[in-house]
């Protein structure tokens, strides 16, 4: 299990650029939180890369992320990585037991939201996104309406971090990967 193998698996199963970039954004945020919590950034990064790798082929709740979990099991990925990926799907009702589980849930929706905020900036760059601009857009229900603001808040809460700090951490992580994200 390493980043190169996880990236190859992501690219094998995910053909759309936007979903690949989302995975890279979640990876960056997961790595940032792993460092913050003194955990293994490579392990957390793999979880970020692979959390939605099966989504394109199986977007329905009865299939995602269970199809991906089966593939990861066949490939010998560790159970804690597979469990973290499964636990990010609210509809499975799995308890988020570890910081890694909680981290994935916390960053997944927020990465998508920050991407949406960046794309409406004149520069279309995450480098111009601020905590204030994210919070302002969160108050606009029509903006990126498919993204759950409640999940973003609950994610920060589950990590024991204030919302502003959480948003700032994810923005900074994404800024560090801006070139790779195309933002």
C-alpha atoms as a PDB file:
ATOM      1  CA  UNK A   1       0.000   0.000   0.000  1.00  0.00           C
ATOM      2  CA  UNK A   2       1.538   3.235  -1.155  1.00  0.00           C
ATOM      3  CA  UNK A   3       0.527   6.452  -2.876  1.00  0.00           C
ATOM      4  CA  UNK A   4       1.610   5.299  -6.340  1.00  0.00           C
ATOM      5  CA  UNK A   5      -0.494   2.135  -6.112  1.00  0.00           C
ATOM      6  CA  UNK A   6      -3.475   4.072  -4.736  1.00  0.00           C
ATOM      7  CA  UNK A   7      -3.160   6.691  -7.479  1.00  0.00           C
ATOM      8  CA  UNK A   8      -3.002   3.960 -10.139  1.00  0.00           C
ATOM      9  CA  UNK A   9      -6.131   2.360  -8.688  1.00  0.00           C
ATOM     10  CA  UNK A  10      -7.899   5.725  -8.615  1.00  0.00           C
ATOM     11  CA  UNK A  11      -7.015   6.414 -12.259  1.00  0.00           C
ATOM     12  CA  UNK A  12      -7.999   2.895 -13.309  1.00  0.00           C
ATOM     13  CA  UNK A  13     -11.515   3.270 -11.898  1.00  0.00           C
ATOM     14  CA  UNK A  14     -12.078   7.035 -12.164  1.00  0.00           C
ATOM     15  CA  UNK A  15     -12.001   8.636 -15.582  1.00  0.00           C
ATOM     16  CA  UNK A  16     -13.474  12.094 -14.927  1.00  0.00           C
ATOM     17  CA  UNK A  17     -11.030  14.856 -14.170  1.00  0.00           C
ATOM     18  CA  UNK A  18     -13.278  16.491 -11.565  1.00  0.00           C
ATOM     19  CA  UNK A  19     -13.606  13.324  -9.476  1.00  0.00           C
ATOM     20  CA  UNK A  20      -9.874  12.667  -9.711  1.00  0.00           C
ATOM     21  CA  UNK A  21      -9.157  16.207  -8.552  1.00  0.00           C
ATOM     22  CA  UNK A  22     -11.650  15.817  -5.713  1.00  0.00           C
ATOM     23  CA  UNK A  23      -9.730  12.733  -4.567  1.00  0.00           C
ATOM     24  CA  UNK A  24      -6.463  14.677  -4.718  1.00  0.00           C
ATOM     25  CA  UNK A  25      -8.010  17.491  -2.684  1.00  0.00           C
ATOM     26  CA  UNK A  26      -9.276  15.074  -0.051  1.00  0.00           C
ATOM     27  CA  UNK A  27      -5.835  13.451   0.010  1.00  0.00           C
ATOM     28  CA  UNK A  28      -4.195  16.835   0.667  1.00  0.00           C
ATOM     29  CA  UNK A  29      -6.622  17.623   3.484  1.00  0.00           C
ATOM     30  CA  UNK A  30      -6.219  14.165   5.021  1.00  0.00           C
ATOM     31  CA  UNK A  31      -2.434  14.492   4.965  1.00  0.00           C
ATOM     32  CA  UNK A  32      -2.679  17.881   6.676  1.00  0.00           C
ATOM     33  CA  UNK A  33      -4.834  16.457   9.440  1.00  0.00           C
ATOM     34  CA  UNK A  34      -2.601  13.407   9.841  1.00  0.00           C
ATOM     35  CA  UNK A  35       0.345  15.712  10.491  1.00  0.00           C
ATOM     36  CA  UNK A  36      -1.743  17.805  12.891  1.00  0.00           C
ATOM     37  CA  UNK A  37      -2.809  14.729  14.873  1.00  0.00           C
ATOM     38  CA  UNK A  38       0.641  13.105  14.666  1.00  0.00           C
ATOM     39  CA  UNK A  39      -0.679  10.212  12.580  1.00  0.00           C
ATOM     40  CA  UNK A  40       0.702   8.603   9.400  1.00  0.00           C
ATOM     41  CA  UNK A  41       0.183  11.043   6.485  1.00  0.00           C
ATOM     42  CA  UNK A  42       0.787   8.331   3.878  1.00  0.00           C
ATOM     43  CA  UNK A  43      -1.921   6.083   5.318  1.00  0.00           C
ATOM     44  CA  UNK A  44      -4.398   8.955   5.686  1.00  0.00           C
ATOM     45  CA  UNK A  45      -3.513  10.177   2.192  1.00  0.00           C
ATOM     46  CA  UNK A  46      -4.342   6.779   0.685  1.00  0.00           C
ATOM     47  CA  UNK A  47      -7.756   6.921   2.379  1.00  0.00           C
ATOM     48  CA  UNK A  48      -8.329  10.344   0.828  1.00  0.00           C
ATOM     49  CA  UNK A  49      -7.287   9.182  -2.625  1.00  0.00           C
ATOM     50  CA  UNK A  50      -9.454   6.069  -2.583  1.00  0.00           C
ATOM     51  CA  UNK A  51     -12.563   7.180  -0.691  1.00  0.00           C
ATOM     52  CA  UNK A  52     -14.627   7.622  -3.884  1.00  0.00           C
ATOM     53  CA  UNK A  53     -12.635   5.626  -6.439  1.00  0.00           C
ATOM     54  CA  UNK A  54     -15.639   3.363  -7.142  1.00  0.00           C
ATOM     55  CA  UNK A  55     -18.193   6.202  -7.282  1.00  0.00           C
ATOM     56  CA  UNK A  56     -18.106   6.760 -11.036  1.00  0.00           C
ATOM     57  CA  UNK A  57     -19.049   3.152 -11.805  1.00  0.00           C
ATOM     58  CA  UNK A  58     -21.358   2.668  -8.811  1.00  0.00           C
ATOM     59  CA  UNK A  59     -22.824   5.961  -7.565  1.00  0.00           C
ATOM     60  CA  UNK A  60     -25.911   4.421  -5.953  1.00  0.00           C
ATOM     61  CA  UNK A  61     -25.912   4.052  -2.166  1.00  0.00           C
ATOM     62  CA  UNK A  62     -26.462   0.305  -2.345  1.00  0.00           C
ATOM     63  CA  UNK A  63     -23.168   0.007  -4.268  1.00  0.00           C
ATOM     64  CA  UNK A  64     -20.849   2.846  -3.154  1.00  0.00           C
ATOM     65  CA  UNK A  65     -18.525   2.485  -1.281  1.00  0.00           C
ATOM     66  CA  UNK A  66     -19.142  -1.234  -0.807  1.00  0.00           C
ATOM     67  CA  UNK A  67     -17.949  -2.178  -4.307  1.00  0.00           C
ATOM     68  CA  UNK A  68     -14.754  -0.252  -3.683  1.00  0.00           C
ATOM     69  CA  UNK A  69     -14.338  -1.903  -0.286  1.00  0.00           C
ATOM     70  CA  UNK A  70     -14.560  -5.320  -1.952  1.00  0.00           C
ATOM     71  CA  UNK A  71     -11.882  -4.346  -4.481  1.00  0.00           C
ATOM     72  CA  UNK A  72      -9.617  -3.054  -1.707  1.00  0.00           C
ATOM     73  CA  UNK A  73     -10.143  -6.256   0.287  1.00  0.00           C
ATOM     74  CA  UNK A  74      -9.179  -8.344  -2.761  1.00  0.00           C
ATOM     75  CA  UNK A  75      -6.037  -6.237  -3.169  1.00  0.00           C
ATOM     76  CA  UNK A  76      -5.056  -6.752   0.467  1.00  0.00           C
ATOM     77  CA  UNK A  77      -5.576  -3.228   1.776  1.00  0.00           C
ATOM     78  CA  UNK A  78      -5.650  -2.971   5.581  1.00  0.00           C
ATOM     79  CA  UNK A  79      -9.040  -3.168   7.288  1.00  0.00           C
ATOM     80  CA  UNK A  80      -8.699   0.236   8.969  1.00  0.00           C
ATOM     81  CA  UNK A  81      -8.356   1.919   5.572  1.00  0.00           C
ATOM     82  CA  UNK A  82     -11.350   0.034   4.182  1.00  0.00           C
ATOM     83  CA  UNK A  83     -13.417   0.821   7.271  1.00  0.00           C
ATOM     84  CA  UNK A  84     -12.573   4.539   7.115  1.00  0.00           C
ATOM     85  CA  UNK A  85     -13.709   4.618   3.484  1.00  0.00           C
ATOM     86  CA  UNK A  86     -16.941   2.802   4.296  1.00  0.00           C
ATOM     87  CA  UNK A  87     -17.638   5.004   7.316  1.00  0.00           C
ATOM     88  CA  UNK A  88     -17.639   8.211   5.267  1.00  0.00           C
ATOM     89  CA  UNK A  89     -20.945   7.114   3.706  1.00  0.00           C
ATOM     90  CA  UNK A  90     -23.605   8.404   6.103  1.00  0.00           C
ATOM     91  CA  UNK A  91     -26.239   5.979   4.803  1.00  0.00           C
ATOM     92  CA  UNK A  92     -24.238   2.949   5.958  1.00  0.00           C
ATOM     93  CA  UNK A  93     -24.669   4.090   9.559  1.00  0.00           C
ATOM     94  CA  UNK A  94     -21.172   3.029  10.617  1.00  0.00           C
ATOM     95  CA  UNK A  95     -19.654   4.575  13.707  1.00  0.00           C
ATOM     96  CA  UNK A  96     -16.629   6.717  13.009  1.00  0.00           C
ATOM     97  CA  UNK A  97     -14.283   5.256  15.597  1.00  0.00           C
ATOM     98  CA  UNK A  98     -10.834   6.594  14.762  1.00  0.00           C
ATOM     99  CA  UNK A  99      -9.457  10.032  13.979  1.00  0.00           C
ATOM    100  CA  UNK A 100      -8.860   8.795  10.431  1.00  0.00           C
ATOM    101  CA  UNK A 101     -12.548   7.851  10.072  1.00  0.00           C
ATOM    102  CA  UNK A 102     -13.610  11.229  11.462  1.00  0.00           C
ATOM    103  CA  UNK A 103     -11.068  13.076   9.345  1.00  0.00           C
ATOM    104  CA  UNK A 104     -12.357  11.634   6.091  1.00  0.00           C
ATOM    105  CA  UNK A 105     -15.936  12.521   6.935  1.00  0.00           C
ATOM    106  CA  UNK A 106     -14.848  15.999   8.020  1.00  0.00           C
ATOM    107  CA  UNK A 107     -12.917  16.897   4.883  1.00  0.00           C
ATOM    108  CA  UNK A 108     -14.896  15.199   2.096  1.00  0.00           C
ATOM    109  CA  UNK A 109     -17.775  17.677   1.766  1.00  0.00           C
ATOM    110  CA  UNK A 110     -15.613  20.655   2.685  1.00  0.00           C
ATOM    111  CA  UNK A 111     -13.113  19.947  -0.111  1.00  0.00           C
ATOM    112  CA  UNK A 112     -16.002  19.908  -2.579  1.00  0.00           C
ATOM    113  CA  UNK A 113     -17.377  23.141  -1.167  1.00  0.00           C
ATOM    114  CA  UNK A 114     -14.025  24.939  -1.210  1.00  0.00           C
ATOM    115  CA  UNK A 115     -13.546  23.796  -4.817  1.00  0.00           C
ATOM    116  CA  UNK A 116     -16.923  25.331  -5.711  1.00  0.00           C
ATOM    117  CA  UNK A 117     -15.968  28.583  -3.970  1.00  0.00           C
ATOM    118  CA  UNK A 118     -12.649  28.688  -5.839  1.00  0.00           C
ATOM    119  CA  UNK A 119     -14.341  28.121  -9.188  1.00  0.00           C
ATOM    120  CA  UNK A 120     -16.594  31.188  -8.808  1.00  0.00           C
ATOM    121  CA  UNK A 121     -13.675  33.468  -7.902  1.00  0.00           C
ATOM    122  CA  UNK A 122     -12.477  35.651 -10.796  1.00  0.00           C
ATOM    123  CA  UNK A 123      -9.092  33.913 -10.604  1.00  0.00           C
ATOM    124  CA  UNK A 124     -10.676  30.423 -10.312  1.00  0.00           C
ATOM    125  CA  UNK A 125      -7.905  29.744  -7.805  1.00  0.00           C
ATOM    126  CA  UNK A 126      -8.009  28.198  -4.345  1.00  0.00           C
ATOM    127  CA  UNK A 127      -5.173  30.577  -3.484  1.00  0.00           C
ATOM    128  CA  UNK A 128      -7.792  33.367  -3.374  1.00  0.00           C
ATOM    129  CA  UNK A 129     -10.238  31.506  -1.134  1.00  0.00           C
ATOM    130  CA  UNK A 130     -10.532  32.678   2.469  1.00  0.00           C
ATOM    131  CA  UNK A 131     -12.341  31.358   5.515  1.00  0.00           C
ATOM    132  CA  UNK A 132     -14.670  34.339   5.252  1.00  0.00           C
ATOM    133  CA  UNK A 133     -15.523  33.647   1.603  1.00  0.00           C
ATOM    134  CA  UNK A 134     -16.325  30.005   2.418  1.00  0.00           C
ATOM    135  CA  UNK A 135     -18.512  30.939   5.381  1.00  0.00           C
ATOM    136  CA  UNK A 136     -20.337  33.559   3.325  1.00  0.00           C
ATOM    137  CA  UNK A 137     -21.114  31.015   0.592  1.00  0.00           C
ATOM    138  CA  UNK A 138     -22.243  28.499   3.237  1.00  0.00           C
ATOM    139  CA  UNK A 139     -25.050  30.937   4.090  1.00  0.00           C
ATOM    140  CA  UNK A 140     -26.320  30.858   0.483  1.00  0.00           C
ATOM    141  CA  UNK A 141     -28.521  27.743   0.184  1.00  0.00           C
ATOM    142  CA  UNK A 142     -28.593  27.839  -3.625  1.00  0.00           C
ATOM    143  CA  UNK A 143     -24.791  27.787  -3.862  1.00  0.00           C
ATOM    144  CA  UNK A 144     -23.423  24.239  -4.221  1.00  0.00           C
ATOM    145  CA  UNK A 145     -26.752  23.087  -2.827  1.00  0.00           C
ATOM    146  CA  UNK A 146     -25.888  19.374  -3.032  1.00  0.00           C
ATOM    147  CA  UNK A 147     -23.168  19.845  -0.405  1.00  0.00           C
ATOM    148  CA  UNK A 148     -24.355  19.417   3.167  1.00  0.00           C
ATOM    149  CA  UNK A 149     -23.407  22.349   5.346  1.00  0.00           C
ATOM    150  CA  UNK A 150     -24.507  20.295   8.343  1.00  0.00           C
ATOM    151  CA  UNK A 151     -22.002  17.553   7.451  1.00  0.00           C
ATOM    152  CA  UNK A 152     -19.256  20.193   7.250  1.00  0.00           C
ATOM    153  CA  UNK A 153     -20.176  21.489  10.711  1.00  0.00           C
ATOM    154  CA  UNK A 154     -20.528  18.011  12.207  1.00  0.00           C
ATOM    155  CA  UNK A 155     -17.192  16.996  10.694  1.00  0.00           C
ATOM    156  CA  UNK A 156     -15.370  19.853  12.408  1.00  0.00           C
ATOM    157  CA  UNK A 157     -17.173  19.071  15.636  1.00  0.00           C
ATOM    158  CA  UNK A 158     -16.236  15.385  15.483  1.00  0.00           C
ATOM    159  CA  UNK A 159     -12.574  16.378  15.255  1.00  0.00           C
ATOM    160  CA  UNK A 160     -12.952  18.768  18.188  1.00  0.00           C
ATOM    161  CA  UNK A 161     -12.014  21.729  16.015  1.00  0.00           C
ATOM    162  CA  UNK A 162     -13.798  25.033  15.533  1.00  0.00           C
ATOM    163  CA  UNK A 163     -15.382  25.580  12.134  1.00  0.00           C
ATOM    164  CA  UNK A 164     -13.088  28.496  11.197  1.00  0.00           C
ATOM    165  CA  UNK A 165      -9.999  26.467  12.080  1.00  0.00           C
ATOM    166  CA  UNK A 166     -11.308  23.478  10.115  1.00  0.00           C
ATOM    167  CA  UNK A 167     -12.021  25.564   7.029  1.00  0.00           C
ATOM    168  CA  UNK A 168      -8.598  27.254   7.289  1.00  0.00           C
ATOM    169  CA  UNK A 169      -6.816  23.892   7.608  1.00  0.00           C
ATOM    170  CA  UNK A 170      -8.505  22.472   4.508  1.00  0.00           C
ATOM    171  CA  UNK A 171      -7.990  25.660   2.471  1.00  0.00           C
ATOM    172  CA  UNK A 172      -4.290  25.673   3.358  1.00  0.00           C
ATOM    173  CA  UNK A 173      -3.946  21.978   2.434  1.00  0.00           C
ATOM    174  CA  UNK A 174      -5.654  22.562  -0.905  1.00  0.00           C
ATOM    175  CA  UNK A 175      -3.520  25.630  -1.577  1.00  0.00           C
ATOM    176  CA  UNK A 176      -0.459  23.447  -1.117  1.00  0.00           C
ATOM    177  CA  UNK A 177      -1.791  21.129  -3.839  1.00  0.00           C
ATOM    178  CA  UNK A 178      -3.264  23.881  -6.037  1.00  0.00           C
ATOM    179  CA  UNK A 179      -1.283  22.980  -9.146  1.00  0.00           C
ATOM    180  CA  UNK A 180      -2.255  19.320  -8.946  1.00  0.00           C
ATOM    181  CA  UNK A 181      -5.881  20.325  -8.325  1.00  0.00           C
ATOM    182  CA  UNK A 182      -5.944  22.729 -11.242  1.00  0.00           C
ATOM    183  CA  UNK A 183      -7.073  25.450  -8.848  1.00  0.00           C
END
